[in-house]
Amino acid sequence: MRNREASLRKVDQIDSSLKKLISYLRRGDEQSFNNTLEDMNEQIDQLRTYIDSEPIVGDELNTSAR
C-alpha cells in the first residue's frame, strides 16, 4: 500500500478528533463540537481518497460477493 503511512496518520488524527468530540460533548461546547465534526468529515474524505487511489489486487475484486 503506497499510501500506508499517510492513511495511518489520518486514522490517528480521526481517533484524536473523536476523543475531542467526546470531551466537547461532555462540556456542552457545541461550537467546538461542530468544528471538530466538520474536520473529521474532511479527514475521512481524505482517507477515502487515499484508499481509492490504491490499486485493487486480485482477491479484492470479489469482496462484494462475500
N, C-alpha and C. Protein backbone atom coordinates (compact mmCIF):
# COMPACT_ATOMS: atom_id res chain seq x y z
N MET A 1 0.85 -1.17 0.00
CA MET A 1 0.00 0.00 0.00
C MET A 1 0.89 1.23 0.00
N ARG A 2 0.84 1.98 -1.05
CA ARG A 2 1.76 3.11 -1.17
C ARG A 2 1.36 4.29 -0.28
N ASN A 3 0.11 4.38 0.10
CA ASN A 3 -0.34 5.46 0.99
C ASN A 3 -0.50 4.98 2.43
N ARG A 4 0.18 3.94 2.79
CA ARG A 4 0.04 3.33 4.12
C ARG A 4 0.31 4.32 5.24
N GLU A 5 1.44 4.99 5.20
CA GLU A 5 1.81 5.93 6.27
C GLU A 5 0.82 7.09 6.36
N ALA A 6 0.47 7.64 5.22
CA ALA A 6 -0.49 8.75 5.22
C ALA A 6 -1.84 8.29 5.74
N SER A 7 -2.25 7.09 5.38
CA SER A 7 -3.53 6.55 5.85
C SER A 7 -3.51 6.32 7.35
N LEU A 8 -2.42 5.77 7.86
CA LEU A 8 -2.31 5.53 9.30
C LEU A 8 -2.29 6.84 10.09
N ARG A 9 -1.62 7.86 9.57
CA ARG A 9 -1.63 9.18 10.22
C ARG A 9 -3.05 9.75 10.24
N LYS A 10 -3.75 9.57 9.14
CA LYS A 10 -5.12 10.08 9.06
C LYS A 10 -6.02 9.35 10.05
N VAL A 11 -5.85 8.05 10.20
CA VAL A 11 -6.63 7.29 11.19
C VAL A 11 -6.31 7.79 12.60
N ASP A 12 -5.05 8.07 12.87
CA ASP A 12 -4.67 8.61 14.18
C ASP A 12 -5.31 9.98 14.42
N GLN A 13 -5.36 10.80 13.38
CA GLN A 13 -5.99 12.12 13.50
C GLN A 13 -7.49 11.98 13.77
N ILE A 14 -8.13 11.04 13.10
CA ILE A 14 -9.56 10.82 13.30
C ILE A 14 -9.81 10.31 14.72
N ASP A 15 -8.96 9.43 15.20
CA ASP A 15 -9.08 8.92 16.56
C ASP A 15 -8.93 10.05 17.58
N SER A 16 -7.97 10.93 17.37
CA SER A 16 -7.78 12.08 18.24
C SER A 16 -8.99 13.01 18.20
N SER A 17 -9.52 13.23 17.01
CA SER A 17 -10.70 14.08 16.87
C SER A 17 -11.91 13.48 17.56
N LEU A 18 -12.02 12.18 17.52
CA LEU A 18 -13.14 11.51 18.20
C LEU A 18 -13.06 11.74 19.71
N LYS A 19 -11.86 11.68 20.25
CA LYS A 19 -11.68 11.94 21.69
C LYS A 19 -12.03 13.39 22.02
N LYS A 20 -11.69 14.31 21.12
CA LYS A 20 -12.06 15.72 21.32
C LYS A 20 -13.57 15.87 21.31
N LEU A 21 -14.23 15.19 20.36
CA LEU A 21 -15.69 15.27 20.28
C LEU A 21 -16.34 14.85 21.58
N ILE A 22 -15.86 13.77 22.15
CA ILE A 22 -16.40 13.27 23.41
C ILE A 22 -16.23 14.31 24.50
N SER A 23 -15.05 14.93 24.56
CA SER A 23 -14.78 15.96 25.55
C SER A 23 -15.70 17.17 25.36
N TYR A 24 -15.85 17.62 24.12
CA TYR A 24 -16.71 18.77 23.86
C TYR A 24 -18.17 18.46 24.17
N LEU A 25 -18.58 17.25 23.89
CA LEU A 25 -19.95 16.85 24.17
C LEU A 25 -20.22 16.87 25.68
N ARG A 26 -19.27 16.37 26.45
CA ARG A 26 -19.42 16.35 27.91
C ARG A 26 -19.46 17.76 28.49
N ARG A 27 -18.72 18.69 27.87
CA ARG A 27 -18.68 20.07 28.35
C ARG A 27 -19.82 20.91 27.81
N GLY A 28 -20.51 20.39 26.81
CA GLY A 28 -21.59 21.16 26.19
C GLY A 28 -21.09 22.25 25.26
N ASP A 29 -19.87 22.10 24.74
CA ASP A 29 -19.26 23.08 23.85
C ASP A 29 -19.67 22.78 22.41
N GLU A 30 -20.85 23.29 22.05
CA GLU A 30 -21.44 22.95 20.75
C GLU A 30 -20.61 23.46 19.57
N GLN A 31 -20.07 24.67 19.66
CA GLN A 31 -19.29 25.23 18.55
C GLN A 31 -18.04 24.40 18.28
N SER A 32 -17.28 24.08 19.32
CA SER A 32 -16.08 23.26 19.14
C SER A 32 -16.44 21.87 18.64
N PHE A 33 -17.55 21.33 19.14
CA PHE A 33 -18.02 20.02 18.70
C PHE A 33 -18.29 20.05 17.20
N ASN A 34 -19.03 21.07 16.74
CA ASN A 34 -19.37 21.16 15.32
C ASN A 34 -18.13 21.37 14.45
N ASN A 35 -17.19 22.20 14.92
CA ASN A 35 -15.95 22.43 14.17
C ASN A 35 -15.14 21.14 14.04
N THR A 36 -15.04 20.40 15.13
CA THR A 36 -14.28 19.15 15.12
C THR A 36 -14.97 18.11 14.26
N LEU A 37 -16.28 18.07 14.30
CA LEU A 37 -17.04 17.13 13.47
C LEU A 37 -16.82 17.43 11.98
N GLU A 38 -16.81 18.69 11.63
CA GLU A 38 -16.54 19.08 10.25
C GLU A 38 -15.13 18.67 9.84
N ASP A 39 -14.17 18.88 10.73
CA ASP A 39 -12.79 18.48 10.47
C ASP A 39 -12.68 16.97 10.28
N MET A 40 -13.40 16.22 11.10
CA MET A 40 -13.39 14.76 10.97
C MET A 40 -13.94 14.33 9.62
N ASN A 41 -15.00 14.97 9.17
CA ASN A 41 -15.56 14.63 7.86
C ASN A 41 -14.54 14.86 6.75
N GLU A 42 -13.77 15.94 6.84
CA GLU A 42 -12.72 16.21 5.86
C GLU A 42 -11.63 15.15 5.93
N GLN A 43 -11.25 14.75 7.15
CA GLN A 43 -10.22 13.72 7.32
C GLN A 43 -10.69 12.39 6.73
N ILE A 44 -11.95 12.05 6.94
CA ILE A 44 -12.49 10.81 6.40
C ILE A 44 -12.52 10.86 4.88
N ASP A 45 -12.89 12.01 4.31
CA ASP A 45 -12.87 12.15 2.85
C ASP A 45 -11.46 11.98 2.30
N GLN A 46 -10.47 12.53 2.99
CA GLN A 46 -9.07 12.38 2.55
C GLN A 46 -8.65 10.92 2.65
N LEU A 47 -9.05 10.25 3.70
CA LEU A 47 -8.70 8.83 3.86
C LEU A 47 -9.34 8.01 2.74
N ARG A 48 -10.59 8.31 2.41
CA ARG A 48 -11.25 7.60 1.30
C ARG A 48 -10.48 7.82 0.00
N THR A 49 -9.99 9.05 -0.21
CA THR A 49 -9.21 9.34 -1.42
C THR A 49 -7.94 8.51 -1.44
N TYR A 50 -7.25 8.41 -0.31
CA TYR A 50 -6.04 7.58 -0.23
C TYR A 50 -6.36 6.13 -0.60
N ILE A 51 -7.43 5.62 -0.04
CA ILE A 51 -7.80 4.22 -0.27
C ILE A 51 -8.23 4.01 -1.72
N ASP A 52 -9.03 4.93 -2.25
CA ASP A 52 -9.49 4.81 -3.64
C ASP A 52 -8.34 4.88 -4.64
N SER A 53 -7.25 5.55 -4.28
CA SER A 53 -6.13 5.68 -5.21
C SER A 53 -5.22 4.45 -5.21
N GLU A 54 -5.47 3.53 -4.30
CA GLU A 54 -4.68 2.30 -4.24
C GLU A 54 -5.13 1.33 -5.33
N PRO A 55 -4.19 0.63 -5.91
CA PRO A 55 -4.58 -0.37 -6.92
C PRO A 55 -5.33 -1.52 -6.25
N ILE A 56 -6.27 -2.09 -6.98
CA ILE A 56 -7.03 -3.23 -6.48
C ILE A 56 -6.27 -4.50 -6.86
N VAL A 57 -6.04 -5.36 -5.87
CA VAL A 57 -5.34 -6.61 -6.12
C VAL A 57 -6.35 -7.72 -6.33
N GLY A 58 -5.89 -8.84 -6.85
CA GLY A 58 -6.73 -9.94 -7.26
C GLY A 58 -7.85 -10.35 -6.33
N ASP A 59 -7.56 -10.64 -5.07
CA ASP A 59 -8.61 -11.16 -4.19
C ASP A 59 -9.58 -10.07 -3.73
N GLU A 60 -9.30 -8.81 -3.99
CA GLU A 60 -10.21 -7.73 -3.63
C GLU A 60 -11.32 -7.55 -4.68
N LEU A 61 -11.14 -8.11 -5.84
CA LEU A 61 -12.12 -7.93 -6.90
C LEU A 61 -13.46 -8.56 -6.57
N ASN A 62 -13.46 -9.61 -5.76
CA ASN A 62 -14.69 -10.32 -5.46
C ASN A 62 -15.18 -10.09 -4.03
N THR A 63 -14.77 -9.01 -3.39
CA THR A 63 -15.15 -8.78 -1.98
C THR A 63 -16.63 -8.49 -1.84
N SER A 64 -17.28 -7.97 -2.85
CA SER A 64 -18.71 -7.67 -2.74
C SER A 64 -19.55 -8.94 -2.71
N ALA A 65 -18.99 -10.05 -3.14
CA ALA A 65 -19.74 -11.31 -3.18
C ALA A 65 -19.70 -12.03 -1.83
N ARG A 66 -18.85 -11.57 -0.91
CA ARG A 66 -18.71 -12.26 0.39
C ARG A 66 -19.82 -11.97 1.31
